[in-house]
C-alpha atoms as a PDB file:
ATOM      1  CA  GLU A   1      37.596  56.190   4.208  1.00  0.00           C
ATOM      2  CA  ILE A   2      36.569  59.206   6.217  1.00  0.00           C
ATOM      3  CA  PHE A   3      35.700  57.036   9.301  1.00  0.00           C
ATOM      4  CA  LYS A   4      39.369  55.568   9.331  1.00  0.00           C
ATOM      5  CA  GLU A   5      40.989  58.676   9.085  1.00  0.00           C
ATOM      6  CA  HIS A   6      39.062  61.013  11.242  1.00  0.00           C
ATOM      7  CA  ARG A   7      37.603  58.806  13.821  1.00  0.00           C
ATOM      8  CA  PRO A   8      39.031  58.966  17.656  1.00  0.00           C
ATOM      9  CA  ASN A   9      40.790  56.376  18.904  1.00  0.00           C
ATOM     10  CA  LYS A  10      37.810  54.408  20.825  1.00  0.00           C
ATOM     11  CA  SER A  11      34.241  55.041  19.778  1.00  0.00           C
ATOM     12  CA  VAL A  12      31.073  53.437  20.894  1.00  0.00           C
ATOM     13  CA  LEU A  13      28.391  52.111  18.753  1.00  0.00           C
ATOM     14  CA  ILE A  14      24.630  51.795  19.957  1.00  0.00           C
ATOM     15  CA  ILE A  15      22.814  49.243  18.576  1.00  0.00           C
ATOM     16  CA  ARG A  16      18.943  49.038  18.824  1.00  0.00           C
ATOM     17  CA  ASN A  17      16.576  46.238  17.712  1.00  0.00           C
ATOM     18  CA  PRO A  18      15.951  47.249  13.569  1.00  0.00           C
ATOM     19  CA  LEU A  19      12.401  46.907  13.956  1.00  0.00           C
ATOM     20  CA  ASP A  20      11.938  49.037  17.132  1.00  0.00           C
ATOM     21  CA  THR A  21      14.277  51.393  15.366  1.00  0.00           C
ATOM     22  CA  ALA A  22      12.204  51.557  12.372  1.00  0.00           C
ATOM     23  CA  ARG A  23       9.016  51.965  14.532  1.00  0.00           C
ATOM     24  CA  SER A  24      10.550  54.695  16.524  1.00  0.00           C
ATOM     25  CA  ILE A  25      11.416  57.049  13.395  1.00  0.00           C
ATOM     26  CA  LEU A  26       7.993  56.351  11.900  1.00  0.00           C
ATOM     27  CA  ASP A  27       6.456  57.164  15.210  1.00  0.00           C
ATOM     28  CA  ARG A  28       8.700  60.428  15.234  1.00  0.00           C
ATOM     29  CA  LEU A  29       7.593  61.452  11.713  1.00  0.00           C
ATOM     30  CA  ASP A  30       4.032  60.633  12.378  1.00  0.00           C
ATOM     31  CA  VAL A  31       4.061  57.856   9.765  1.00  0.00           C
ATOM     32  CA  PRO A  32       1.540  55.232  10.404  1.00  0.00           C
ATOM     33  CA  LEU A  33       3.594  51.678  10.404  1.00  0.00           C
ATOM     34  CA  GLU A  34       1.288  50.039   7.832  1.00  0.00           C
ATOM     35  CA  SER A  35       1.696  52.818   5.215  1.00  0.00           C
ATOM     36  CA  LYS A  36       2.569  51.443   1.927  1.00  0.00           C
ATOM     37  CA  ARG A  37       4.276  54.755   0.172  1.00  0.00           C
ATOM     38  CA  LEU A  38       5.879  57.649   1.518  1.00  0.00           C
ATOM     39  CA  GLU A  39       6.543  61.035  -0.140  1.00  0.00           C
ATOM     40  CA  LEU A  40       9.594  62.503   0.598  1.00  0.00           C
ATOM     41  CA  ASN A  41       8.261  66.085   0.518  1.00  0.00           C
ATOM     42  CA  SER A  42       5.786  65.006   3.464  1.00  0.00           C
ATOM     43  CA  ILE A  43       8.724  64.851   6.150  1.00  0.00           C
ATOM     44  CA  PRO A  44      11.479  67.427   7.376  1.00  0.00           C
ATOM     45  CA  ASN A  45      14.390  67.701   5.645  1.00  0.00           C
ATOM     46  CA  ALA A  46      16.453  66.517   8.404  1.00  0.00           C
ATOM     47  CA  TRP A  47      14.948  62.741   7.786  1.00  0.00           C
ATOM     48  CA  ARG A  48      14.984  62.729   4.390  1.00  0.00           C
ATOM     49  CA  GLU A  49      18.458  61.212   3.855  1.00  0.00           C
ATOM     50  CA  LEU A  50      16.924  58.056   5.795  1.00  0.00           C
ATOM     51  CA  PHE A  51      14.539  57.296   3.046  1.00  0.00           C
ATOM     52  CA  ILE A  52      16.592  58.811  -0.061  1.00  0.00           C
ATOM     53  CA  HIS A  53      18.524  55.471  -0.525  1.00  0.00           C
ATOM     54  CA  THR A  54      15.623  53.040  -1.045  1.00  0.00           C
ATOM     55  CA  SER A  55      12.976  52.605  -3.472  1.00  0.00           C
ATOM     56  CA  ASN A  56       9.917  55.149  -3.175  1.00  0.00           C
ATOM     57  CA  ASN A  57       7.662  52.247  -4.048  1.00  0.00           C
ATOM     58  CA  GLU A  58       8.475  50.547  -0.974  1.00  0.00           C
ATOM     59  CA  PRO A  59       6.659  50.812   2.613  1.00  0.00           C
ATOM     60  CA  PRO A  60       8.194  53.340   4.567  1.00  0.00           C
ATOM     61  CA  PHE A  61       8.825  50.844   7.454  1.00  0.00           C
ATOM     62  CA  ILE A  62      10.809  48.605   5.030  1.00  0.00           C
ATOM     63  CA  ARG A  63      12.737  51.599   3.767  1.00  0.00           C
ATOM     64  CA  ALA A  64      13.840  52.317   7.375  1.00  0.00           C
ATOM     65  CA  ILE A  65      14.808  48.677   7.909  1.00  0.00           C
ATOM     66  CA  LYS A  66      16.716  48.815   4.877  1.00  0.00           C
ATOM     67  CA  TYR A  67      18.710  52.030   5.906  1.00  0.00           C
ATOM     68  CA  TRP A  68      19.512  50.360   9.352  1.00  0.00           C
ATOM     69  CA  CYS A  69      20.822  47.221   7.591  1.00  0.00           C
ATOM     70  CA  MET A  70      22.868  49.826   5.170  1.00  0.00           C
ATOM     71  CA  LEU A  71      24.332  51.684   8.124  1.00  0.00           C
ATOM     72  CA  MET A  72      25.015  48.286  10.273  1.00  0.00           C
ATOM     73  CA  ASP A  73      26.376  46.183   7.558  1.00  0.00           C
ATOM     74  CA  LYS A  74      29.870  47.659   7.520  1.00  0.00           C
ATOM     75  CA  PRO A  75      33.175  45.964   8.329  1.00  0.00           C
ATOM     76  CA  PHE A  76      34.465  48.705  10.420  1.00  0.00           C
ATOM     77  CA  TRP A  77      32.105  48.441  13.177  1.00  0.00           C
ATOM     78  CA  HIS A  78      34.053  45.190  14.191  1.00  0.00           C
ATOM     79  CA  ASP A  79      36.909  47.173  15.183  1.00  0.00           C
ATOM     80  CA  PRO A  80      38.382  46.137  18.538  1.00  0.00           C
ATOM     81  CA  GLU A  81      38.329  49.811  19.465  1.00  0.00           C
ATOM     82  CA  ILE A  82      34.408  49.995  18.913  1.00  0.00           C
ATOM     83  CA  LYS A  83      32.353  48.789  21.883  1.00  0.00           C
ATOM     84  CA  TRP A  84      29.022  47.840  21.192  1.00  0.00           C
ATOM     85  CA  VAL A  85      26.178  48.927  23.356  1.00  0.00           C
ATOM     86  CA  HIS A  86      22.921  47.413  23.053  1.00  0.00           C
ATOM     87  CA  TYR A  87      19.799  49.936  23.551  1.00  0.00           C
ATOM     88  CA  GLU A  88      17.939  47.132  24.759  1.00  0.00           C
ATOM     89  CA  ASP A  89      20.612  46.209  27.435  1.00  0.00           C
ATOM     90  CA  PHE A  90      21.017  49.983  28.425  1.00  0.00           C
ATOM     91  CA  LEU A  91      17.353  50.541  29.307  1.00  0.00           C
ATOM     92  CA  LYS A  92      17.361  47.312  31.506  1.00  0.00           C
ATOM     93  CA  SER A  93      20.550  48.502  33.347  1.00  0.00           C
ATOM     94  CA  PRO A  94      21.767  52.036  32.517  1.00  0.00           C
ATOM     95  CA  ASP A  95      24.212  52.470  35.225  1.00  0.00           C
ATOM     96  CA  ASP A  96      26.188  49.199  34.484  1.00  0.00           C
ATOM     97  CA  VAL A  97      26.270  49.844  30.739  1.00  0.00           C
ATOM     98  CA  VAL A  98      27.255  53.506  31.279  1.00  0.00           C
ATOM     99  CA  ARG A  99      30.021  52.321  33.647  1.00  0.00           C
ATOM    100  CA  GLU A 100      31.403  49.761  31.070  1.00  0.00           C
ATOM    101  CA  VAL A 101      31.146  52.480  28.534  1.00  0.00           C
ATOM    102  CA  LEU A 102      33.387  54.866  30.420  1.00  0.00           C
ATOM    103  CA  GLU A 103      35.917  52.134  31.348  1.00  0.00           C
ATOM    104  CA  PHE A 104      36.303  51.313  27.883  1.00  0.00           C
ATOM    105  CA  LEU A 105      36.612  55.212  27.204  1.00  0.00           C
ATOM    106  CA  GLU A 106      38.951  55.596  30.097  1.00  0.00           C
ATOM    107  CA  LEU A 107      36.617  58.498  31.452  1.00  0.00           C
ATOM    108  CA  LYS A 108      35.621  59.160  35.027  1.00  0.00           C
ATOM    109  CA  GLN A 109      32.194  58.952  36.126  1.00  0.00           C
ATOM    110  CA  LEU A 110      30.553  61.716  37.741  1.00  0.00           C
ATOM    111  CA  ARG A 111      27.002  60.625  38.583  1.00  0.00           C
ATOM    112  CA  PRO A 112      25.015  57.779  38.171  1.00  0.00           C
ATOM    113  CA  ALA A 113      23.362  57.721  34.667  1.00  0.00           C
ATOM    114  CA  THR A 114      19.909  57.078  36.202  1.00  0.00           C
ATOM    115  CA  ASP A 115      20.411  60.746  37.710  1.00  0.00           C
ATOM    116  CA  ILE A 116      20.510  61.849  33.906  1.00  0.00           C
ATOM    117  CA  ILE A 117      18.362  59.763  31.901  1.00  0.00           C
ATOM    118  CA  SER A 118      15.153  60.258  33.884  1.00  0.00           C
ATOM    119  CA  ILE A 119      15.054  63.803  32.066  1.00  0.00           C
ATOM    120  CA  GLN A 120      13.191  63.104  28.735  1.00  0.00           C
ATOM    121  CA  ILE A 121      14.275  65.408  26.100  1.00  0.00           C
ATOM    122  CA  GLN A 122      12.439  64.088  23.191  1.00  0.00           C
ATOM    123  CA  PRO A 123       8.787  63.218  22.849  1.00  0.00           C
ATOM    124  CA  LYS A 124       7.800  59.832  23.194  1.00  0.00           C
ATOM    125  CA  GLY A 125       6.472  58.052  20.436  1.00  0.00           C
ATOM    126  CA  LYS A 126       2.910  56.928  20.519  1.00  0.00           C
ATOM    127  CA  ASN A 127       3.642  53.188  20.076  1.00  0.00           C
ATOM    128  CA  ARG A 128       6.616  53.252  22.480  1.00  0.00           C
ATOM    129  CA  GLY A 129       6.563  50.263  24.912  1.00  0.00           C
ATOM    130  CA  GLN A 130       4.250  48.159  22.381  1.00  0.00           C
ATOM    131  CA  ASN A 131       5.220  44.994  21.405  1.00  0.00           C
ATOM    132  CA  ILE A 132       6.302  45.587  17.789  1.00  0.00           C
ATOM    133  CA  GLU A 133       4.832  42.296  16.261  1.00  0.00           C
ATOM    134  CA  SER A 134       1.408  43.421  17.159  1.00  0.00           C
ATOM    135  CA  LEU A 135       1.785  46.637  15.326  1.00  0.00           C
ATOM    136  CA  ILE A 136       3.114  45.681  11.938  1.00  0.00           C
ATOM    137  CA  PRO A 137       1.096  43.556   9.657  1.00  0.00           C
ATOM    138  CA  PRO A 138       2.311  40.022   9.425  1.00  0.00           C
ATOM    139  CA  GLY A 139       3.450  39.930   5.877  1.00  0.00           C
ATOM    140  CA  LEU A 140       5.569  43.442   6.537  1.00  0.00           C
ATOM    141  CA  LEU A 141       6.748  42.254   9.799  1.00  0.00           C
ATOM    142  CA  GLU A 142       8.133  38.932   8.150  1.00  0.00           C
ATOM    143  CA  HIS A 143       9.979  41.002   5.466  1.00  0.00           C
ATOM    144  CA  ALA A 144      11.453  43.364   7.669  1.00  0.00           C
ATOM    145  CA  GLN A 145      12.835  40.409   9.642  1.00  0.00           C
ATOM    146  CA  ASN A 146      14.219  38.599   7.023  1.00  0.00           C
ATOM    147  CA  LEU A 147      16.294  42.049   5.750  1.00  0.00           C
ATOM    148  CA  SER A 148      17.557  42.756   9.043  1.00  0.00           C
ATOM    149  CA  ASN A 149      17.790  39.469  11.284  1.00  0.00           C
ATOM    150  CA  LYS A 150      21.204  38.385   9.854  1.00  0.00           C
ATOM    151  CA  ILE A 151      22.902  41.568  10.263  1.00  0.00           C
ATOM    152  CA  TYR A 152      21.361  42.019  13.886  1.00  0.00           C
ATOM    153  CA  TYR A 153      22.099  38.676  15.083  1.00  0.00           C
ATOM    154  CA  ARG A 154      25.892  39.152  13.898  1.00  0.00           C
ATOM    155  CA  PHE A 155      25.758  42.109  16.623  1.00  0.00           C
ATOM    156  CA  ARG A 156      23.962  39.871  19.550  1.00  0.00           C
ATOM    157  CA  THR A 157      26.230  36.998  19.451  1.00  0.00           C
ATOM    158  CA  SER A 158      29.836  38.446  18.620  1.00  0.00           C
END
């Protein structure tokens, strides 16, 4: 409701593979990917919202996946005034993706995206760049894929 009333005319939604998103979040929080539980008081307050809507009895990786699903499974993301940008596409071709976004937003490009993105602002996670399938125990990986594939596929094919 608030989104519909207060959003700008055009918006950009950045979509990242849910498995990589969960991995990145847990890396940032220094939570091992294979952890069975997560105590909310063990993570910074700013990150607790992500886990508060899911069961404390579930592994943190699954809790992060469920949060991603909850955020992404909204009909308003399919509004024509929202441009989807896939994070993985941005990594492959940042200048092209930024050019498309700026055209969509009717903004002028002042300099190439590659001039700016080379500046590392956040620390890199310890598992960055590794194949997610090799980092997650098989049963946990399959559970995460079963939860998120349908939603993620919708964004990859529309």
